[in-house]
Each structure stands twice: as structure tokens, then as C-alpha cells.
C-alpha atoms as a PDB file:
ATOM      1  CA  MET A   1      -0.045  -0.079   0.161  1.00  0.00           C
ATOM      2  CA  PHE A   2       1.276   3.530  -1.025  1.00  0.00           C
ATOM      3  CA  ASP A   3       1.852   6.003   1.599  1.00  0.00           C
ATOM      4  CA  ARG A   4      -1.023   8.303   1.125  1.00  0.00           C
ATOM      5  CA  ARG A   5       1.253  11.408   1.483  1.00  0.00           C
ATOM      6  CA  SER A   6       3.731  10.240  -0.747  1.00  0.00           C
ATOM      7  CA  LEU A   7       3.669  10.409  -4.676  1.00  0.00           C
ATOM      8  CA  LYS A   8       7.268   9.433  -5.362  1.00  0.00           C
ATOM      9  CA  LEU A   9       6.641   5.855  -5.702  1.00  0.00           C
ATOM     10  CA  PRO A  10       3.707   5.705  -8.062  1.00  0.00           C
ATOM     11  CA  ILE A  11       4.906   8.338 -10.200  1.00  0.00           C
ATOM     12  CA  ALA A  12       8.596   6.483 -10.444  1.00  0.00           C
ATOM     13  CA  LEU A  13       6.752   3.044 -11.262  1.00  0.00           C
ATOM     14  CA  GLY A  14       4.757   4.824 -13.801  1.00  0.00           C
ATOM     15  CA  VAL A  15       7.278   6.636 -15.411  1.00  0.00           C
ATOM     16  CA  SER A  16       9.358   3.289 -15.537  1.00  0.00           C
ATOM     17  CA  MET A  17       6.505   1.539 -17.373  1.00  0.00           C
ATOM     18  CA  ILE A  18       6.022   4.347 -19.959  1.00  0.00           C
ATOM     19  CA  VAL A  19       9.588   4.155 -21.046  1.00  0.00           C
ATOM     20  CA  MET A  20       9.366   0.534 -21.223  1.00  0.00           C
ATOM     21  CA  LEU A  21       6.326   0.593 -23.505  1.00  0.00           C
ATOM     22  CA  VAL A  22       7.883   3.293 -25.474  1.00  0.00           C
ATOM     23  CA  ALA A  23      11.153   1.235 -25.942  1.00  0.00           C
ATOM     24  CA  LEU A  24       8.814  -1.732 -26.726  1.00  0.00           C
ATOM     25  CA  ILE A  25       6.716   0.087 -29.376  1.00  0.00           C
ATOM     26  CA  VAL A  26      10.043   1.658 -31.286  1.00  0.00           C
ATOM     27  CA  GLY A  27      11.501  -2.117 -31.125  1.00  0.00           C
ATOM     28  CA  TRP A  28       8.503  -3.756 -32.470  1.00  0.00           C
ATOM     29  CA  VAL A  29       8.503  -0.985 -35.260  1.00  0.00           C
ATOM     30  CA  LEU A  30      12.164  -1.512 -35.925  1.00  0.00           C
ATOM     31  CA  LEU A  31      11.691  -5.204 -35.990  1.00  0.00           C
ATOM     32  CA  THR A  32       8.701  -5.294 -38.147  1.00  0.00           C
ATOM     33  CA  VAL A  33       9.953  -2.799 -40.715  1.00  0.00           C
ATOM     34  CA  PHE A  34      13.290  -4.737 -40.691  1.00  0.00           C
ATOM     35  CA  GLY A  35      11.538  -8.054 -41.571  1.00  0.00           C
ATOM     36  CA  ALA A  36       9.501  -6.801 -44.302  1.00  0.00           C
ATOM     37  CA  LEU A  37      12.500  -5.310 -46.221  1.00  0.00           C
ATOM     38  CA  ARG A  38      14.206  -8.384 -45.817  1.00  0.00           C
ATOM     39  CA  GLU A  39      11.483 -10.614 -46.760  1.00  0.00           C
ATOM     40  CA  SER A  40       9.664  -8.853 -49.538  1.00  0.00           C
ATOM     41  CA  ASP A  41       7.100 -11.921 -50.297  1.00  0.00           C
ATOM     42  CA  ARG A  42       6.084 -11.842 -46.734  1.00  0.00           C
ATOM     43  CA  ALA A  43       5.856  -7.891 -46.409  1.00  0.00           C
ATOM     44  CA  PRO A  44       2.073  -7.599 -46.246  1.00  0.00           C
ATOM     45  CA  LEU A  45       2.252  -9.986 -43.132  1.00  0.00           C
ATOM     46  CA  TYR A  46       4.734  -7.827 -41.383  1.00  0.00           C
ATOM     47  CA  TRP A  47       2.940  -4.668 -42.072  1.00  0.00           C
ATOM     48  CA  THR A  48      -0.193  -5.861 -40.800  1.00  0.00           C
ATOM     49  CA  LEU A  49       1.715  -7.117 -37.578  1.00  0.00           C
ATOM     50  CA  LEU A  50       3.230  -3.557 -37.355  1.00  0.00           C
ATOM     51  CA  SER A  51      -0.133  -1.852 -37.423  1.00  0.00           C
ATOM     52  CA  VAL A  52      -1.955  -4.234 -35.324  1.00  0.00           C
ATOM     53  CA  GLY A  53       0.921  -4.531 -32.711  1.00  0.00           C
ATOM     54  CA  SER A  54       1.694  -0.711 -32.632  1.00  0.00           C
ATOM     55  CA  SER A  55      -2.018  -0.036 -31.902  1.00  0.00           C
ATOM     56  CA  ILE A  56      -2.220  -2.555 -29.137  1.00  0.00           C
ATOM     57  CA  LEU A  57       1.041  -1.257 -27.450  1.00  0.00           C
ATOM     58  CA  ALA A  58      -0.012   2.653 -28.021  1.00  0.00           C
ATOM     59  CA  ALA A  59      -3.388   1.568 -26.441  1.00  0.00           C
ATOM     60  CA  VAL A  60      -1.293  -0.033 -23.374  1.00  0.00           C
ATOM     61  CA  LEU A  61       0.510   3.079 -23.397  1.00  0.00           C
ATOM     62  CA  VAL A  62      -2.241   5.450 -23.072  1.00  0.00           C
ATOM     63  CA  GLY A  63      -3.906   3.177 -20.199  1.00  0.00           C
ATOM     64  CA  VAL A  64      -0.812   3.311 -18.442  1.00  0.00           C
ATOM     65  CA  VAL A  65      -0.642   7.017 -18.484  1.00  0.00           C
ATOM     66  CA  MET A  66      -4.230   7.506 -17.575  1.00  0.00           C
ATOM     67  CA  TYR A  67      -3.734   5.099 -14.726  1.00  0.00           C
ATOM     68  CA  LEU A  68      -0.855   7.134 -13.540  1.00  0.00           C
ATOM     69  CA  THR A  69      -2.605  10.407 -13.910  1.00  0.00           C
ATOM     70  CA  LEU A  70      -5.731   9.217 -11.890  1.00  0.00           C
ATOM     71  CA  SER A  71      -3.602   7.492  -9.228  1.00  0.00           C
ATOM     72  CA  ILE A  72      -2.143  10.670  -8.523  1.00  0.00           C
ATOM     73  CA  LYS A  73      -5.272  12.628  -8.496  1.00  0.00           C
ATOM     74  CA  ALA A  74      -6.409   9.680  -5.845  1.00  0.00           C
ATOM     75  CA  ILE A  75      -3.447  10.276  -3.869  1.00  0.00           C
ATOM     76  CA  ASN A  76      -3.715  14.025  -3.768  1.00  0.00           C
ATOM     77  CA  LEU A  77      -7.405  13.718  -3.078  1.00  0.00           C
ATOM     78  CA  ASN A  78      -6.516  11.205  -0.060  1.00  0.00           C
ATOM     79  CA  ARG A  79      -3.966  13.769   1.046  1.00  0.00           C
ATOM     80  CA  ARG A  80      -6.483  16.671   1.242  1.00  0.00           C
ATOM     81  CA  GLN A  81      -8.771  14.820   2.987  1.00  0.00           C
ATOM     82  CA  SER A  82      -6.188  13.658   5.569  1.00  0.00           C
ATOM     83  CA  ASN A  83      -5.622  17.267   6.188  1.00  0.00           C
ATOM     84  CA  PHE A  84      -9.178  17.903   6.601  1.00  0.00           C
ATOM     85  CA  ILE A  85      -9.542  14.923   9.084  1.00  0.00           C
ATOM     86  CA  ASP A  86      -6.567  16.181  10.970  1.00  0.00           C
ATOM     87  CA  SER A  87      -8.300  19.795  10.976  1.00  0.00           C
ATOM     88  CA  VAL A  88     -11.635  18.791  12.093  1.00  0.00           C
ATOM     89  CA  THR A  89     -10.175  16.449  14.706  1.00  0.00           C
ATOM     90  CA  HIS A  90      -8.276  19.156  16.145  1.00  0.00           C
ATOM     91  CA  GLU A  91     -10.924  21.966  15.776  1.00  0.00           C
ATOM     92  CA  LEU A  92     -13.380  19.448  17.975  1.00  0.00           C
ATOM     93  CA  LYS A  93     -10.880  18.278  20.314  1.00  0.00           C
ATOM     94  CA  SER A  94      -9.339  21.833  21.529  1.00  0.00           C
ATOM     95  CA  PRO A  95     -12.607  23.068  22.620  1.00  0.00           C
ATOM     96  CA  ILE A  96     -14.052  19.596  24.006  1.00  0.00           C
ATOM     97  CA  ALA A  97     -11.053  19.494  26.159  1.00  0.00           C
ATOM     98  CA  SER A  98     -11.417  23.071  27.153  1.00  0.00           C
ATOM     99  CA  LEU A  99     -14.809  22.735  28.078  1.00  0.00           C
ATOM    100  CA  LYS A 100     -14.365  19.192  30.241  1.00  0.00           C
ATOM    101  CA  LEU A 101     -11.425  20.766  32.100  1.00  0.00           C
ATOM    102  CA  TYR A 102     -13.627  23.980  33.188  1.00  0.00           C
ATOM    103  CA  LEU A 103     -16.567  21.674  34.150  1.00  0.00           C
ATOM    104  CA  GLN A 104     -14.404  19.507  35.903  1.00  0.00           C
ATOM    105  CA  THR A 105     -12.888  22.389  38.032  1.00  0.00           C
ATOM    106  CA  LEU A 106     -16.359  23.979  38.331  1.00  0.00           C
ATOM    107  CA  SER A 107     -17.456  20.724  39.733  1.00  0.00           C
ATOM    108  CA  LEU A 108     -14.646  19.944  42.096  1.00  0.00           C
ATOM    109  CA  ARG A 109     -13.435  23.325  43.833  1.00  0.00           C
ATOM    110  CA  GLN A 110     -15.431  26.249  45.225  1.00  0.00           C
ATOM    111  CA  ILE A 111     -14.235  29.126  43.437  1.00  0.00           C
ATOM    112  CA  ASP A 112     -14.984  32.832  43.832  1.00  0.00           C
ATOM    113  CA  GLU A 113     -17.974  34.794  41.650  1.00  0.00           C
ATOM    114  CA  VAL A 114     -15.379  36.553  39.338  1.00  0.00           C
ATOM    115  CA  GLU A 115     -13.488  33.403  38.620  1.00  0.00           C
ATOM    116  CA  ARG A 116     -16.777  31.902  38.028  1.00  0.00           C
ATOM    117  CA  ARG A 117     -17.819  34.283  35.325  1.00  0.00           C
ATOM    118  CA  ASN A 118     -14.455  34.050  33.764  1.00  0.00           C
ATOM    119  CA  PHE A 119     -14.929  30.201  33.434  1.00  0.00           C
ATOM    120  CA  HIS A 120     -18.302  30.556  31.678  1.00  0.00           C
ATOM    121  CA  ARG A 121     -17.123  33.331  29.484  1.00  0.00           C
ATOM    122  CA  PHE A 122     -14.340  30.968  28.317  1.00  0.00           C
ATOM    123  CA  MET A 123     -16.815  27.939  28.163  1.00  0.00           C
ATOM    124  CA  LEU A 124     -19.121  30.271  25.999  1.00  0.00           C
ATOM    125  CA  ASP A 125     -16.079  30.900  23.560  1.00  0.00           C
ATOM    126  CA  ASP A 126     -15.418  27.197  23.159  1.00  0.00           C
ATOM    127  CA  VAL A 127     -19.181  26.386  22.309  1.00  0.00           C
ATOM    128  CA  GLU A 128     -19.146  29.332  19.658  1.00  0.00           C
ATOM    129  CA  ARG A 129     -16.030  27.841  18.335  1.00  0.00           C
ATOM    130  CA  LEU A 130     -17.686  24.529  17.976  1.00  0.00           C
ATOM    131  CA  ASP A 131     -20.745  26.006  16.565  1.00  0.00           C
ATOM    132  CA  HIS A 132     -18.629  27.962  14.234  1.00  0.00           C
ATOM    133  CA  LEU A 133     -17.333  24.795  12.877  1.00  0.00           C
ATOM    134  CA  ILE A 134     -20.320  22.702  12.312  1.00  0.00           C
ATOM    135  CA  ASN A 135     -22.092  25.756  10.567  1.00  0.00           C
ATOM    136  CA  HIS A 136     -18.850  25.839   8.344  1.00  0.00           C
ATOM    137  CA  LEU A 137     -19.453  22.224   7.142  1.00  0.00           C
ATOM    138  CA  LEU A 138     -23.063  22.767   6.872  1.00  0.00           C
ATOM    139  CA  ASP A 139     -22.317  25.721   4.469  1.00  0.00           C
ATOM    140  CA  ALA A 140     -20.236  23.391   2.554  1.00  0.00           C
ATOM    141  CA  GLY A 141     -22.747  20.776   2.238  1.00  0.00           C
ATOM    142  CA  SER A 142     -25.320  23.014   1.554  1.00  0.00           C
ATOM    143  CA  VAL A 143     -23.313  24.582  -1.430  1.00  0.00           C
ATOM    144  CA  GLU A 144     -23.745  21.740  -3.272  1.00  0.00           C
ATOM    145  CA  ARG A 145     -27.517  20.685  -2.457  1.00  0.00           C
ATOM    146  CA  SER A 146     -29.183  24.116  -2.563  1.00  0.00           C
ATOM    147  CA  THR A 147     -31.237  25.266  -5.505  1.00  0.00           C
ATOM    148  CA  PRO A 148     -30.050  28.826  -6.643  1.00  0.00           C
ATOM    149  CA  ASP A 149     -33.404  29.942  -8.349  1.00  0.00           C
ATOM    150  CA  LEU A 150     -34.766  30.089  -4.471  1.00  0.00           C
ATOM    151  CA  ASP A 151     -34.817  33.187  -2.499  1.00  0.00           C
ATOM    152  CA  ILE A 152     -33.463  35.418  -5.346  1.00  0.00           C
ATOM    153  CA  GLU A 153     -33.743  38.966  -3.980  1.00  0.00           C
ATOM    154  CA  GLU A 154     -32.222  42.401  -4.593  1.00  0.00           C
ATOM    155  CA  VAL A 155     -29.384  42.615  -1.973  1.00  0.00           C
ATOM    156  CA  ASP A 156     -27.963  45.474  -0.526  1.00  0.00           C
ATOM    157  CA  LEU A 157     -24.025  44.792  -0.957  1.00  0.00           C
ATOM    158  CA  ALA A 158     -22.734  47.599   1.220  1.00  0.00           C
ATOM    159  CA  ALA A 159     -24.878  46.342   4.228  1.00  0.00           C
ATOM    160  CA  THR A 160     -24.097  42.918   3.645  1.00  0.00           C
ATOM    161  CA  LEU A 161     -20.415  43.691   3.498  1.00  0.00           C
ATOM    162  CA  ASP A 162     -20.463  45.917   6.785  1.00  0.00           C
ATOM    163  CA  ALA A 163     -22.562  42.998   8.641  1.00  0.00           C
ATOM    164  CA  CYS A 164     -19.854  40.334   7.459  1.00  0.00           C
ATOM    165  CA  ALA A 165     -17.116  42.572   8.884  1.00  0.00           C
ATOM    166  CA  ASP A 166     -18.763  43.454  12.031  1.00  0.00           C
ATOM    167  CA  SER A 167     -19.654  39.627  12.487  1.00  0.00           C
ATOM    168  CA  VAL A 168     -15.778  38.609  12.086  1.00  0.00           C
ATOM    169  CA  CYS A 169     -14.207  41.515  14.292  1.00  0.00           C
ATOM    170  CA  LEU A 170     -16.642  40.484  16.938  1.00  0.00           C
ATOM    171  CA  ARG A 171     -16.118  36.625  16.485  1.00  0.00           C
ATOM    172  CA  TYR A 172     -12.013  37.134  16.541  1.00  0.00           C
ATOM    173  CA  ARG A 173     -12.181  40.014  19.222  1.00  0.00           C
ATOM    174  CA  VAL A 174     -10.690  42.658  17.140  1.00  0.00           C
ATOM    175  CA  GLU A 175     -11.473  46.168  16.953  1.00  0.00           C
ATOM    176  CA  PRO A 176     -13.833  47.224  14.259  1.00  0.00           C
ATOM    177  CA  ALA A 177     -11.129  49.726  12.670  1.00  0.00           C
ATOM    178  CA  VAL A 178      -8.974  46.317  12.136  1.00  0.00           C
ATOM    179  CA  VAL A 179     -11.065  46.111   8.786  1.00  0.00           C
ATOM    180  CA  SER A 180     -11.023  49.397   7.195  1.00  0.00           C
ATOM    181  CA  ARG A 181     -13.938  49.927   4.798  1.00  0.00           C
ATOM    182  CA  GLU A 182     -14.466  51.966   1.663  1.00  0.00           C
ATOM    183  CA  ILE A 183     -17.664  50.610   0.078  1.00  0.00           C
ATOM    184  CA  SER A 184     -20.001  52.248  -2.361  1.00  0.00           C
ATOM    185  CA  PRO A 185     -23.710  51.730  -2.953  1.00  0.00           C
ATOM    186  CA  CYS A 186     -23.945  48.538  -4.885  1.00  0.00           C
ATOM    187  CA  TRP A 187     -26.695  46.038  -5.334  1.00  0.00           C
ATOM    188  CA  VAL A 188     -26.773  42.439  -6.827  1.00  0.00           C
ATOM    189  CA  SER A 189     -29.518  40.014  -7.545  1.00  0.00           C
ATOM    190  CA  ALA A 190     -28.634  36.788  -5.481  1.00  0.00           C
ATOM    191  CA  ARG A 191     -29.526  34.784  -2.530  1.00  0.00           C
ATOM    192  CA  ARG A 192     -28.323  37.114   0.528  1.00  0.00           C
ATOM    193  CA  VAL A 193     -27.200  33.796   2.391  1.00  0.00           C
ATOM    194  CA  ASP A 194     -24.938  32.919  -0.459  1.00  0.00           C
ATOM    195  CA  LEU A 195     -23.378  36.468  -0.588  1.00  0.00           C
ATOM    196  CA  ASP A 196     -22.950  36.404   3.265  1.00  0.00           C
ATOM    197  CA  MET A 197     -20.943  33.189   2.994  1.00  0.00           C
ATOM    198  CA  VAL A 198     -18.750  34.438   0.257  1.00  0.00           C
ATOM    199  CA  PHE A 199     -17.658  37.751   1.927  1.00  0.00           C
ATOM    200  CA  ARG A 200     -17.523  36.278   5.726  1.00  0.00           C
ATOM    201  CA  ASN A 201     -15.111  33.600   4.561  1.00  0.00           C
ATOM    202  CA  LEU A 202     -13.039  36.077   2.650  1.00  0.00           C
ATOM    203  CA  VAL A 203     -13.259  38.503   5.602  1.00  0.00           C
ATOM    204  CA  GLU A 204     -12.395  35.736   8.270  1.00  0.00           C
ATOM    205  CA  ASN A 205      -9.256  34.420   6.191  1.00  0.00           C
ATOM    206  CA  ALA A 206      -8.098  38.104   5.741  1.00  0.00           C
ATOM    207  CA  VAL A 207      -8.053  38.880   9.595  1.00  0.00           C
ATOM    208  CA  LYS A 208      -6.852  35.238  10.432  1.00  0.00           C
ATOM    209  CA  TYR A 209      -3.701  35.581   8.118  1.00  0.00           C
ATOM    210  CA  ALA A 210      -3.213  38.980   8.725  1.00  0.00           C
ATOM    211  CA  GLY A 211       0.364  40.096  10.108  1.00  0.00           C
ATOM    212  CA  ASP A 212       0.878  41.751  13.578  1.00  0.00           C
ATOM    213  CA  PRO A 213      -0.937  44.100  14.019  1.00  0.00           C
ATOM    214  CA  PRO A 214      -3.551  43.050  11.567  1.00  0.00           C
ATOM    215  CA  GLN A 215      -4.626  45.474   8.929  1.00  0.00           C
ATOM    216  CA  VAL A 216      -7.481  44.578   6.591  1.00  0.00           C
ATOM    217  CA  HIS A 217      -9.339  46.695   3.823  1.00  0.00           C
ATOM    218  CA  LEU A 218     -12.523  46.073   2.309  1.00  0.00           C
ATOM    219  CA  HIS A 219     -13.098  47.909  -0.862  1.00  0.00           C
ATOM    220  CA  ALA A 220     -16.190  47.719  -3.204  1.00  0.00           C
ATOM    221  CA  GLU A 221     -17.487  49.759  -5.838  1.00  0.00           C
ATOM    222  CA  CYS A 222     -19.927  49.429  -9.077  1.00  0.00           C
ATOM    223  CA  ILE A 223     -18.034  49.851 -12.226  1.00  0.00           C
ATOM    224  CA  GLY A 224     -20.430  49.705 -15.282  1.00  0.00           C
ATOM    225  CA  ARG A 225     -22.535  46.622 -14.819  1.00  0.00           C
ATOM    226  CA  THR A 226     -20.026  44.639 -12.391  1.00  0.00           C
ATOM    227  CA  VAL A 227     -19.443  45.152  -8.688  1.00  0.00           C
ATOM    228  CA  VAL A 228     -15.911  44.825  -7.969  1.00  0.00           C
ATOM    229  CA  VAL A 229     -14.998  43.636  -4.191  1.00  0.00           C
ATOM    230  CA  ARG A 230     -11.692  43.870  -2.854  1.00  0.00           C
ATOM    231  CA  VAL A 231     -10.353  42.015   0.464  1.00  0.00           C
ATOM    232  CA  SER A 232      -6.802  42.549   1.138  1.00  0.00           C
ATOM    233  CA  ASP A 233      -4.650  41.865   4.163  1.00  0.00           C
ATOM    234  CA  ASN A 234      -1.123  42.741   5.483  1.00  0.00           C
ATOM    235  CA  GLY A 235      -0.515  38.954   5.790  1.00  0.00           C
ATOM    236  CA  PRO A 236       2.678  36.869   4.403  1.00  0.00           C
ATOM    237  CA  GLY A 237       1.011  36.089   1.284  1.00  0.00           C
ATOM    238  CA  ILE A 238       0.221  33.178  -0.681  1.00  0.00           C
ATOM    239  CA  PRO A 239       3.088  31.553  -2.567  1.00  0.00           C
ATOM    240  CA  ARG A 240       2.198  31.884  -6.633  1.00  0.00           C
ATOM    241  CA  SER A 241       2.854  28.133  -7.130  1.00  0.00           C
ATOM    242  CA  GLN A 242      -0.021  27.289  -4.382  1.00  0.00           C
ATOM    243  CA  ARG A 243      -2.594  29.874  -5.612  1.00  0.00           C
ATOM    244  CA  GLY A 244      -4.389  27.625  -7.987  1.00  0.00           C
ATOM    245  CA  ARG A 245      -5.047  25.033  -5.458  1.00  0.00           C
ATOM    246  CA  ILE A 246      -6.228  27.287  -2.647  1.00  0.00           C
ATOM    247  CA  PHE A 247      -9.822  26.979  -4.257  1.00  0.00           C
ATOM    248  CA  THR A 248      -9.955  23.052  -4.320  1.00  0.00           C
ATOM    249  CA  ARG A 249     -12.103  21.382  -1.474  1.00  0.00           C
ATOM    250  CA  PHE A 250     -10.003  20.254   1.659  1.00  0.00           C
ATOM    251  CA  VAL A 251      -7.131  22.199   0.591  1.00  0.00           C
ATOM    252  CA  ARG A 252      -4.974  23.950   3.448  1.00  0.00           C
ATOM    253  CA  LEU A 253      -1.465  25.050   2.765  1.00  0.00           C
ATOM    254  CA  GLY A 254       1.205  22.898   5.126  1.00  0.00           C
ATOM    255  CA  GLN A 255       0.409  20.285   7.484  1.00  0.00           C
ATOM    256  CA  GLU A 256      -2.706  20.489   9.750  1.00  0.00           C
ATOM    257  CA  LEU A 257      -0.503  19.419  12.921  1.00  0.00           C
ATOM    258  CA  GLU A 258       2.014  21.766  12.325  1.00  0.00           C
ATOM    259  CA  ARG A 259      -0.100  25.098  11.814  1.00  0.00           C
ATOM    260  CA  ASP A 260      -1.313  27.430  14.384  1.00  0.00           C
ATOM    261  CA  THR A 261      -4.517  28.993  12.383  1.00  0.00           C
ATOM    262  CA  SER A 262      -7.837  27.161  12.810  1.00  0.00           C
ATOM    263  CA  GLY A 263      -9.795  26.313   9.686  1.00  0.00           C
ATOM    264  CA  THR A 264     -11.286  23.346   7.559  1.00  0.00           C
ATOM    265  CA  GLY A 265      -9.871  24.179   3.783  1.00  0.00           C
ATOM    266  CA  LEU A 266     -13.553  24.559   2.683  1.00  0.00           C
ATOM    267  CA  GLY A 267     -13.778  28.451   2.856  1.00  0.00           C
ATOM    268  CA  LEU A 268     -12.532  29.180  -0.404  1.00  0.00           C
ATOM    269  CA  TYR A 269     -14.127  26.290  -2.257  1.00  0.00           C
ATOM    270  CA  ILE A 270     -17.319  27.872  -0.917  1.00  0.00           C
ATOM    271  CA  VAL A 271     -16.421  31.352  -2.005  1.00  0.00           C
ATOM    272  CA  ARG A 272     -15.247  29.876  -5.727  1.00  0.00           C
ATOM    273  CA  THR A 273     -18.585  27.326  -5.864  1.00  0.00           C
ATOM    274  CA  LEU A 274     -21.104  30.190  -4.882  1.00  0.00           C
ATOM    275  CA  LEU A 275     -19.659  33.008  -7.219  1.00  0.00           C
ATOM    276  CA  GLN A 276     -19.643  30.956 -10.026  1.00  0.00           C
ATOM    277  CA  ARG A 277     -23.522  29.803  -9.620  1.00  0.00           C
ATOM    278  CA  TRP A 278     -24.163  33.923  -9.448  1.00  0.00           C
ATOM    279  CA  ARG A 279     -22.029  34.239 -12.559  1.00  0.00           C
ATOM    280  CA  GLY A 280     -19.056  35.847 -10.629  1.00  0.00           C
ATOM    281  CA  ARG A 281     -15.554  35.294 -10.137  1.00  0.00           C
ATOM    282  CA  VAL A 282     -12.528  35.633  -7.798  1.00  0.00           C
ATOM    283  CA  ARG A 283      -9.016  36.753  -8.359  1.00  0.00           C
ATOM    284  CA  VAL A 284      -5.891  36.601  -6.186  1.00  0.00           C
ATOM    285  CA  TYR A 285      -2.710  38.333  -6.202  1.00  0.00           C
ATOM    286  CA  ASP A 286      -0.392  40.381  -4.321  1.00  0.00           C
ATOM    287  CA  GLN A 287      -0.827  43.683  -2.563  1.00  0.00           C
ATOM    288  CA  GLU A 288       1.200  46.433  -4.771  1.00  0.00           C
ATOM    289  CA  ARG A 289       2.982  47.697  -1.853  1.00  0.00           C
ATOM    290  CA  GLY A 290       4.315  45.557   0.697  1.00  0.00           C
ATOM    291  CA  SER A 291       3.229  42.175   2.032  1.00  0.00           C
ATOM    292  CA  GLY A 292       0.102  40.767   1.918  1.00  0.00           C
ATOM    293  CA  THR A 293      -2.672  39.291  -0.468  1.00  0.00           C
ATOM    294  CA  VAL A 294      -5.733  40.789  -2.373  1.00  0.00           C
ATOM    295  CA  PHE A 295      -8.958  38.716  -2.850  1.00  0.00           C
ATOM    296  CA  GLU A 296     -10.877  40.465  -6.020  1.00  0.00           C
ATOM    297  CA  VAL A 297     -14.800  39.387  -6.738  1.00  0.00           C
ATOM    298  CA  HIS A 298     -16.658  40.552  -9.685  1.00  0.00           C
ATOM    299  CA  LEU A 299     -20.475  39.955  -9.705  1.00  0.00           C
ATOM    300  CA  PRO A 300     -23.105  41.401 -12.084  1.00  0.00           C
ATOM    301  CA  ALA A 301     -24.653  44.474 -10.824  1.00  0.00           C
ATOM    302  CA  THR A 302     -28.171  45.056 -10.928  1.00  0.00           C
ATOM    303  CA  VAL A 303     -27.825  48.510 -11.897  1.00  0.00           C
ATOM    304  CA  GLN A 304     -25.043  50.441 -13.882  1.00  0.00           C
ATOM    305  CA  ALA A 305     -23.587  52.972 -11.527  1.00  0.00           C
ATOM    306  CA  ARG A 306     -23.519  56.606 -12.957  1.00  0.00           C
ATOM    307  CA  GLY A 307     -20.458  57.946 -13.998  1.00  0.00           C
ATOM    308  CA  SER A 308     -18.538  54.448 -13.553  1.00  0.00           C
ATOM    309  CA  ARG A 309     -15.129  53.650 -15.049  1.00  0.00           C
ATOM    310  CA  ASP A 310     -14.497  50.890 -17.555  1.00  0.00           C
ATOM    311  CA  ILE A 311     -13.914  47.342 -15.816  1.00  0.00           C
ATOM    312  CA  THR A 312     -10.478  47.270 -17.234  1.00  0.00           C
ATOM    313  CA  ASP A 313      -9.311  50.336 -15.685  1.00  0.00           C
ATOM    314  CA  ALA A 314     -10.582  49.456 -12.046  1.00  0.00           C
ATOM    315  CA  THR A 315      -8.650  46.031 -11.842  1.00  0.00           C
ATOM    316  CA  GLU A 316      -5.034  47.262 -12.633  1.00  0.00           C
ATOM    317  CA  HIS A 317      -2.735  45.849 -10.208  1.00  0.00           C
ATOM    318  CA  SER A 318       1.176  45.568 -10.131  1.00  0.00           C
ATOM    319  CA  GLY A 319       1.694  43.238 -12.543  1.00  0.00           C
ATOM    320  CA  GLU A 320       2.033  40.076 -10.187  1.00  0.00           C
ATOM    321  CA  GLU A 321       0.668  36.877 -11.291  1.00  0.00           C
ATOM    322  CA  VAL A 322      -3.221  36.662 -11.151  1.00  0.00           C
ATOM    323  CA  VAL A 323      -5.033  33.169 -10.472  1.00  0.00           C
ATOM    324  CA  GLU A 324      -8.750  33.335 -11.413  1.00  0.00           C
ATOM    325  CA  ALA A 325     -11.281  30.980 -10.159  1.00  0.00           C
END
């Protein structure tokens, strides 16, 4: 059984088989051509063997390549699922262990009222953490099951963005000023709950992965018939080689047991899936100045803004590589 975290062995075996098959095909072609030239009276037989044998070997080669490709995809999926299981296990175990400790302390010791209130506050934090994790998992499931034609309404995006920013600041106990805002009036025709999931995930990621002190900027404007929302942070950024992977389900960069930030690897998958449903898209690129990452969301606007700029003028950046999902 292959190690689910290692691709070296299946790749080495696959490449070796491909090389041997290519050598076998070349040898078969040379032998049949040489035989046809030497024995002209039996040339039709050799040409038939050449075509039939080469076709069979080529089909086997294609099968080996497809098998290798599917094996690599399966191993990558197992790796992502392993990271996801590690993440969820850690996210469940930590607050449960904390709750157990506080409850044991309350039942075995006499503590004063101030300390009791602190314990209750800590326990409530752990319960909220569990509730947040469960809601995140339910969100991922509802993304694939929900019917997009239901509950469509004209959504005030400015109010939605403000509510998402306030909710994230409250959850992570940071000052509202940490998420600076530059939001113009924008309206989008969509499900309110979907837009809330999209921007709550983006703002939450920005706050979690921002630098010290954290600085997150939320910018939204209506450009022609397109709403452009940018969520930027001052964190370490995302390596260019990894940007294409981050919108895949279960993907988190690094190993779960070695990271400090919580998460399940489902947030950006939810973002991409919901935006595709509403004919939107998301791009990721580096900040123009300093460190950090920018997530830029495009959505069709309900009403074109007056005096708006052209969309190509509004999305210029520093020339860094842009990944679009």
C-alpha cells in the first residue's frame, strides 16, 4: 500500500512503465520494418503485424498514462482529505477538552464569583468555536445541495459587507477599525445567504492570516454593470505556485498538525462555488505595496453606476501573477 502522503513511488513506477512501453513500441516497429524489407514476399504480413502490434502497444501506453494520472489525483485527494480530517479533529478536540477542564474545575472546587464568570465566558467561547465549525461544515454541504433559483432578491451589498466585517471582528475580538472599509452603494441580484457566506469567508481569512498588528481593507464599488469587491490584508501572502490549489475542497497549505490558525480548507471552495453560481469570479494576487494578498470578487450589478469607470481600468495591479477561479 502506497503512503497516501507520498507521490514518489507511483510516479517512479509509472514513468518506468511508460519508458519500457515506448522502448517496446520502437523495438516492435524496427523489427517489423526490418523483417518486411528482408522478406519482401511476406511484407504484407509484417505490415499487418506492425499496424496491429503498434496499435495495441499504443493503447496500453495510453492506459498506463491514464492510470498514472488517476492514481496521482487519488493520492492528492487522500492527502487533502487527511488534512481535512486532521483539521476537524483538532478543531473538535481542543474546545471539548477545554470545556471538560472547566466543568471539572467547577464541579470539584469552590471558586469565587469573578472566576466563575470568567470560566463561563471561556466556556461560551469554546461553544461558539464548535458552533462556528459545525456551521462551516453545513455551509459546505448546502453549497452543493441548494437550488440557486430560490430566495433570489435584490441585495444591498454595502450592508452585507458591513455586517460580515462586524461579525468577523466580533468573533475574533478585534477592533472594528482593524477592517477598514471603503464601500460604495452596490446592488446584486442573488441569495442573501450566499453572498454572506462568500464575503464572511474572505474577510475571516484576511483577519486570520493578517500580520501583527492585523490590517484588513475592504473595498467595494460598482463599475459599469459589474460590482468589484477587494479584500486585502497585510499577511505573509500566498506562494504563487499554490494559488491555483487554494480554491479546491479540503486544501490548506502546509500540514494540519503544524499550523497555528484554525480552519477546515472549505472556505475558499465555498467562495468559488457560490460565485460561479451567480456568474461571478474571484481573483487573487499580491498587494502592490508591502506584503499581503488581495482577493478580488466580480459580480454582475443590478443597476449600472452613474459615471462609473471601465472595468479594465479598475482592475489594474502591480503586474504580479493573477490566479482566477
